[in-house]
Amino acid sequence: MAKIFTPSNRIQLTNVAVVRLKKSGHRFEIACYKNKVISWRNKVDTDLDDVLQSHTVFVNVSKGQVAKKEDLMAVFGTEDQTKICLEILEKGELQVSDKERHQHLDNLFKEIATTVSEKCINPMTKRPYTVTLIEQAMKDVHFSVNPNKNAKVQALEVIKLLQSSGTLPIERTQMKIRLDIPQKEAKKIKDKLIKIMKKIESEEYNASSLEIIGIIDPGSFREIDELLQTETRGKGVMEVVSFKEMVENEEKIE
């Protein structure tokens, strides 16, 4: 029976989470710490020792039955336990009780709705929706939560789904930025920026540069930054003025 170790900052083994992979007619399991598997898959946790309770491949964790080396070689083509653990961690199914599964899905559903509420507004009122209303809209379009994806990724899926279905008038919150562009490259860069930015609010030339203030979708931030740095050889400057363009001093409404 393989010995399950714990990190030095843990006194005893508790809350074992089992990840199971069925492959080529065999069943393999690994022992993990609860709440760490999803974090690993979402790239929040990157230290394998914080996720695995043992670099050992089992056929049954609860009984301590270790997989045979010949089975590992036949199925995975290697006896490297850590390498196999990684494959099981990435592709296997996390074993949880029905109660735990429902609780996780409920929490994730709420987190997704909260993210959408924070990132979007009603385009007609320029005000954000309440989390409750976003949750109802998600139910109306029959959005199905994926337990293996993080809330941010699924929030983007919800936004696209709501927009395509017409269930709720919604758009991403826009970002106001200020650009300082060396005068030598100003005209060339401005022509390219016009195609990317939602709106140019002002532009002002001074002795050495062009200052542009405008509105962009948050998703265009990296593209504009890369354009600015490449075309100006790092001399251009971009500054975020504000993250939300909405009616000031207004509470969220449904």
Protein backbone atom coordinates (compact mmCIF):
# COMPACT_ATOMS: atom_id res chain seq x y z
CA MET A 1 0.00 0.00 0.00
CA ALA A 2 1.42 3.34 -1.06
CA LYS A 3 2.03 5.89 1.62
CA ILE A 4 0.08 9.11 1.23
CA PHE A 5 2.13 12.10 2.31
CA THR A 6 0.96 15.54 3.26
CA PRO A 7 2.79 18.88 2.99
CA SER A 8 4.75 19.89 6.06
CA ASN A 9 2.14 22.47 6.96
CA ARG A 10 -0.55 19.81 7.29
CA ILE A 11 -0.85 17.64 10.38
CA GLN A 12 -3.11 14.94 9.04
CA LEU A 13 -4.82 13.77 5.89
CA THR A 14 -8.32 15.19 5.57
CA ASN A 15 -10.85 15.94 2.83
CA VAL A 16 -9.58 13.57 0.16
CA ALA A 17 -10.89 14.31 -3.32
CA VAL A 18 -10.66 11.48 -5.84
CA VAL A 19 -10.16 12.03 -9.57
CA ARG A 20 -10.98 8.98 -11.67
CA LEU A 21 -10.04 8.14 -15.25
CA LYS A 22 -11.33 5.14 -17.19
CA LYS A 23 -9.06 4.23 -20.07
CA SER A 24 -8.57 1.09 -22.17
CA GLY A 25 -10.86 -0.90 -19.90
CA HIS A 26 -9.00 0.04 -16.72
CA ARG A 27 -9.91 2.39 -13.87
CA PHE A 28 -7.27 4.66 -12.37
CA GLU A 29 -7.57 7.12 -9.49
CA ILE A 30 -5.46 9.79 -7.82
CA ALA A 31 -5.83 11.36 -4.36
CA CYS A 32 -6.13 15.15 -4.30
CA TYR A 33 -6.96 17.89 -1.85
CA LYS A 34 -10.56 19.09 -2.01
CA ASN A 35 -11.16 22.41 -3.75
CA LYS A 36 -7.77 22.15 -5.46
CA VAL A 37 -8.69 20.19 -8.60
CA ILE A 38 -10.83 22.95 -10.11
CA SER A 39 -8.22 25.56 -9.13
CA TRP A 40 -5.58 23.54 -10.96
CA ARG A 41 -7.73 23.19 -14.06
CA ASN A 42 -8.43 26.92 -14.02
CA LYS A 43 -4.67 27.57 -13.63
CA VAL A 44 -5.14 29.25 -10.26
CA ASP A 45 -2.97 26.65 -8.51
CA THR A 46 0.18 25.67 -10.39
CA ASP A 47 2.14 23.71 -7.78
CA LEU A 48 1.32 20.04 -8.24
CA ASP A 49 2.21 19.22 -4.62
CA ASP A 50 -0.53 21.59 -3.48
CA VAL A 51 -3.04 19.54 -5.46
CA LEU A 52 -1.90 15.92 -5.20
CA GLN A 53 -1.83 14.14 -1.86
CA SER A 54 0.42 11.50 -3.43
CA HIS A 55 2.29 11.08 -6.71
CA THR A 56 0.84 7.58 -6.80
CA VAL A 57 -1.67 6.08 -9.21
CA PHE A 58 -4.33 3.93 -7.56
CA VAL A 59 -7.05 1.64 -8.82
CA ASN A 60 -8.98 2.43 -5.64
CA VAL A 61 -7.92 5.32 -3.40
CA SER A 62 -10.28 4.53 -0.55
CA LYS A 63 -8.89 0.99 -0.27
CA GLY A 64 -5.30 2.04 -0.90
CA GLN A 65 -4.99 -0.29 -3.91
CA VAL A 66 -2.09 0.82 -6.11
CA ALA A 67 -2.15 0.36 -9.88
CA LYS A 68 0.17 -2.30 -11.29
CA LYS A 69 3.20 -1.08 -13.21
CA GLU A 70 2.44 -3.37 -16.14
CA ASP A 71 -1.07 -1.86 -16.41
CA LEU A 72 0.35 1.67 -16.35
CA MET A 73 2.83 0.80 -19.09
CA ALA A 74 0.17 -0.88 -21.20
CA VAL A 75 -2.34 1.96 -20.92
CA PHE A 76 -0.17 5.09 -20.66
CA GLY A 77 3.07 3.89 -22.27
CA THR A 78 5.08 4.93 -19.22
CA GLU A 79 5.62 4.08 -15.56
CA ASP A 80 6.23 7.72 -14.64
CA GLN A 81 3.66 8.17 -11.87
CA THR A 82 3.80 11.97 -11.87
CA LYS A 83 3.26 12.15 -15.62
CA ILE A 84 0.29 9.78 -15.35
CA CYS A 85 -1.12 11.71 -12.39
CA LEU A 86 -1.06 14.84 -14.55
CA GLU A 87 -3.05 13.13 -17.31
CA ILE A 88 -5.61 11.85 -14.81
CA LEU A 89 -5.81 15.29 -13.19
CA GLU A 90 -6.45 16.96 -16.54
CA LYS A 91 -8.77 14.39 -18.13
CA GLY A 92 -10.32 12.49 -15.23
CA GLU A 93 -13.65 13.00 -13.52
CA LEU A 94 -13.71 14.54 -10.06
CA GLN A 95 -15.71 12.30 -7.73
CA VAL A 96 -18.05 14.36 -5.57
CA SER A 97 -21.33 13.73 -3.80
CA ASP A 98 -24.57 14.99 -5.32
CA LYS A 99 -24.84 17.56 -2.53
CA GLU A 100 -21.31 18.87 -3.18
CA ARG A 101 -21.90 18.95 -6.93
CA HIS A 102 -25.13 20.94 -6.60
CA GLN A 103 -23.53 23.36 -4.14
CA HIS A 104 -20.59 23.94 -6.46
CA LEU A 105 -22.87 24.54 -9.45
CA ASP A 106 -25.06 26.93 -7.46
CA ASN A 107 -22.04 28.92 -6.30
CA LEU A 108 -20.58 29.01 -9.80
CA PHE A 109 -23.92 30.11 -11.29
CA LYS A 110 -24.03 33.01 -8.83
CA GLU A 111 -20.41 33.96 -9.54
CA ILE A 112 -21.04 33.99 -13.30
CA ALA A 113 -24.10 36.20 -12.89
CA THR A 114 -22.15 38.56 -10.62
CA THR A 115 -19.34 38.86 -13.17
CA VAL A 116 -21.80 39.65 -15.96
CA SER A 117 -23.47 42.29 -13.77
CA GLU A 118 -20.10 43.92 -13.07
CA LYS A 119 -18.94 43.87 -16.70
CA CYS A 120 -22.12 44.88 -18.54
CA ILE A 121 -24.78 47.54 -18.75
CA ASN A 122 -28.19 48.11 -20.30
CA PRO A 123 -27.26 50.00 -23.51
CA MET A 124 -30.46 52.07 -23.35
CA THR A 125 -30.10 53.29 -19.76
CA LYS A 126 -26.31 52.99 -19.41
CA ARG A 127 -26.94 51.36 -16.03
CA PRO A 128 -25.92 47.91 -14.81
CA TYR A 129 -28.39 45.10 -14.20
CA THR A 130 -28.83 43.46 -10.81
CA VAL A 131 -27.35 40.02 -10.25
CA THR A 132 -30.88 38.70 -9.68
CA LEU A 133 -32.03 39.84 -13.10
CA ILE A 134 -28.95 38.37 -14.80
CA GLU A 135 -29.60 35.06 -13.03
CA GLN A 136 -33.18 35.03 -14.33
CA ALA A 137 -32.00 35.82 -17.87
CA MET A 138 -29.51 32.95 -17.68
CA LYS A 139 -32.35 30.63 -16.71
CA ASP A 140 -34.54 31.98 -19.50
CA VAL A 141 -31.93 31.08 -22.14
CA HIS A 142 -31.31 27.71 -20.42
CA PHE A 143 -27.63 28.39 -19.78
CA SER A 144 -25.92 25.27 -18.48
CA VAL A 145 -23.02 25.79 -16.07
CA ASN A 146 -19.83 23.86 -16.84
CA PRO A 147 -18.22 22.83 -13.52
CA ASN A 148 -14.79 22.58 -15.18
CA LYS A 149 -14.67 26.17 -16.51
CA ASN A 150 -14.07 29.26 -14.43
CA ALA A 151 -16.67 31.99 -13.96
CA LYS A 152 -14.89 34.58 -16.11
CA VAL A 153 -14.83 32.36 -19.19
CA GLN A 154 -18.47 31.39 -18.75
CA ALA A 155 -19.51 34.99 -18.13
CA LEU A 156 -18.28 35.84 -21.63
CA GLU A 157 -20.34 32.94 -22.99
CA VAL A 158 -23.42 34.23 -21.15
CA ILE A 159 -22.97 37.74 -22.58
CA LYS A 160 -22.76 36.38 -26.15
CA LEU A 161 -25.76 34.12 -25.55
CA LEU A 162 -27.90 36.93 -24.15
CA GLN A 163 -26.94 39.20 -27.05
CA SER A 164 -27.67 36.60 -29.73
CA SER A 165 -30.97 35.50 -28.17
CA GLY A 166 -32.29 39.03 -27.65
CA THR A 167 -33.48 37.99 -24.19
CA LEU A 168 -31.90 41.02 -22.54
CA PRO A 169 -30.50 44.20 -24.10
CA ILE A 170 -26.91 44.06 -22.88
CA GLU A 171 -23.43 45.22 -23.83
CA ARG A 172 -19.97 45.14 -22.34
CA THR A 173 -18.99 48.03 -20.13
CA GLN A 174 -16.71 50.32 -22.07
CA MET A 175 -13.34 51.70 -21.04
CA LYS A 176 -12.09 55.26 -21.36
CA ILE A 177 -8.38 55.58 -22.17
CA ARG A 178 -5.85 58.33 -22.75
CA LEU A 179 -3.09 57.84 -25.33
CA ASP A 180 0.09 59.86 -25.66
CA ILE A 181 1.66 59.24 -29.09
CA PRO A 182 4.97 60.70 -30.31
CA GLN A 183 4.22 63.19 -33.08
CA LYS A 184 6.40 61.35 -35.63
CA GLU A 185 4.12 58.28 -35.59
CA ALA A 186 0.89 60.07 -34.65
CA LYS A 187 -0.90 60.15 -38.03
CA LYS A 188 -0.12 56.54 -38.95
CA ILE A 189 -1.21 55.23 -35.55
CA LYS A 190 -4.33 57.41 -35.43
CA ASP A 191 -5.55 55.95 -38.73
CA LYS A 192 -5.24 52.47 -37.28
CA LEU A 193 -6.83 53.44 -33.94
CA ILE A 194 -9.95 54.78 -35.65
CA LYS A 195 -10.71 51.23 -36.82
CA ILE A 196 -10.34 49.78 -33.30
CA MET A 197 -11.71 52.40 -30.91
CA LYS A 198 -15.45 52.78 -30.36
CA LYS A 199 -15.19 56.55 -30.15
CA ILE A 200 -12.54 59.27 -30.10
CA GLU A 201 -13.68 61.96 -27.68
CA SER A 202 -10.81 64.39 -28.13
CA GLU A 203 -7.41 64.79 -29.75
CA GLU A 204 -4.86 67.47 -29.07
CA TYR A 205 -1.43 68.07 -30.57
CA ASN A 206 1.33 69.63 -28.50
CA ALA A 207 4.98 70.27 -29.23
CA SER A 208 6.08 66.64 -29.15
CA SER A 209 3.03 64.36 -29.17
CA LEU A 210 -0.64 63.73 -29.89
CA GLU A 211 -2.99 63.10 -26.96
CA ILE A 212 -6.11 61.09 -27.73
CA ILE A 213 -8.93 60.36 -25.29
CA GLY A 214 -11.47 57.79 -26.36
CA ILE A 215 -13.74 54.87 -25.59
CA ILE A 216 -12.89 51.22 -26.27
CA ASP A 217 -14.26 47.77 -25.53
CA PRO A 218 -12.15 46.16 -22.77
CA GLY A 219 -11.34 43.33 -25.17
CA SER A 220 -9.47 45.79 -27.44
CA PHE A 221 -7.11 46.95 -24.69
CA ARG A 222 -4.29 44.50 -25.48
CA GLU A 223 -4.54 45.05 -29.23
CA ILE A 224 -4.22 48.83 -28.83
CA ASP A 225 -1.38 48.51 -26.33
CA GLU A 226 0.57 46.19 -28.64
CA LEU A 227 -0.04 48.51 -31.60
CA LEU A 228 1.14 51.53 -29.62
CA GLN A 229 4.27 49.85 -28.27
CA THR A 230 5.23 48.32 -31.63
CA GLU A 231 4.72 51.42 -33.74
CA THR A 232 6.41 53.79 -31.26
CA ARG A 233 9.14 51.36 -30.13
CA GLY A 234 7.91 51.63 -26.57
CA LYS A 235 7.67 55.42 -26.47
CA GLY A 236 3.88 55.63 -26.57
CA VAL A 237 1.84 55.72 -23.36
CA MET A 238 -1.65 54.40 -22.67
CA GLU A 239 -3.53 55.22 -19.48
CA VAL A 240 -6.91 53.94 -18.29
CA VAL A 241 -9.08 56.88 -17.30
CA SER A 242 -12.13 54.89 -16.16
CA PHE A 243 -13.51 51.36 -16.43
CA LYS A 244 -17.22 52.11 -16.52
CA GLU A 245 -19.11 54.49 -18.74
CA MET A 246 -22.54 54.80 -17.06
CA VAL A 247 -24.80 57.28 -15.32
CA GLU A 248 -23.00 58.48 -12.23
CA ASN A 249 -24.44 58.30 -8.72
CA GLU A 250 -27.10 55.81 -9.79
CA GLU A 251 -27.95 52.57 -8.05
CA LYS A 252 -28.29 49.31 -9.98
CA ILE A 253 -31.80 48.81 -11.29
CA GLU A 254 -33.60 45.80 -12.70
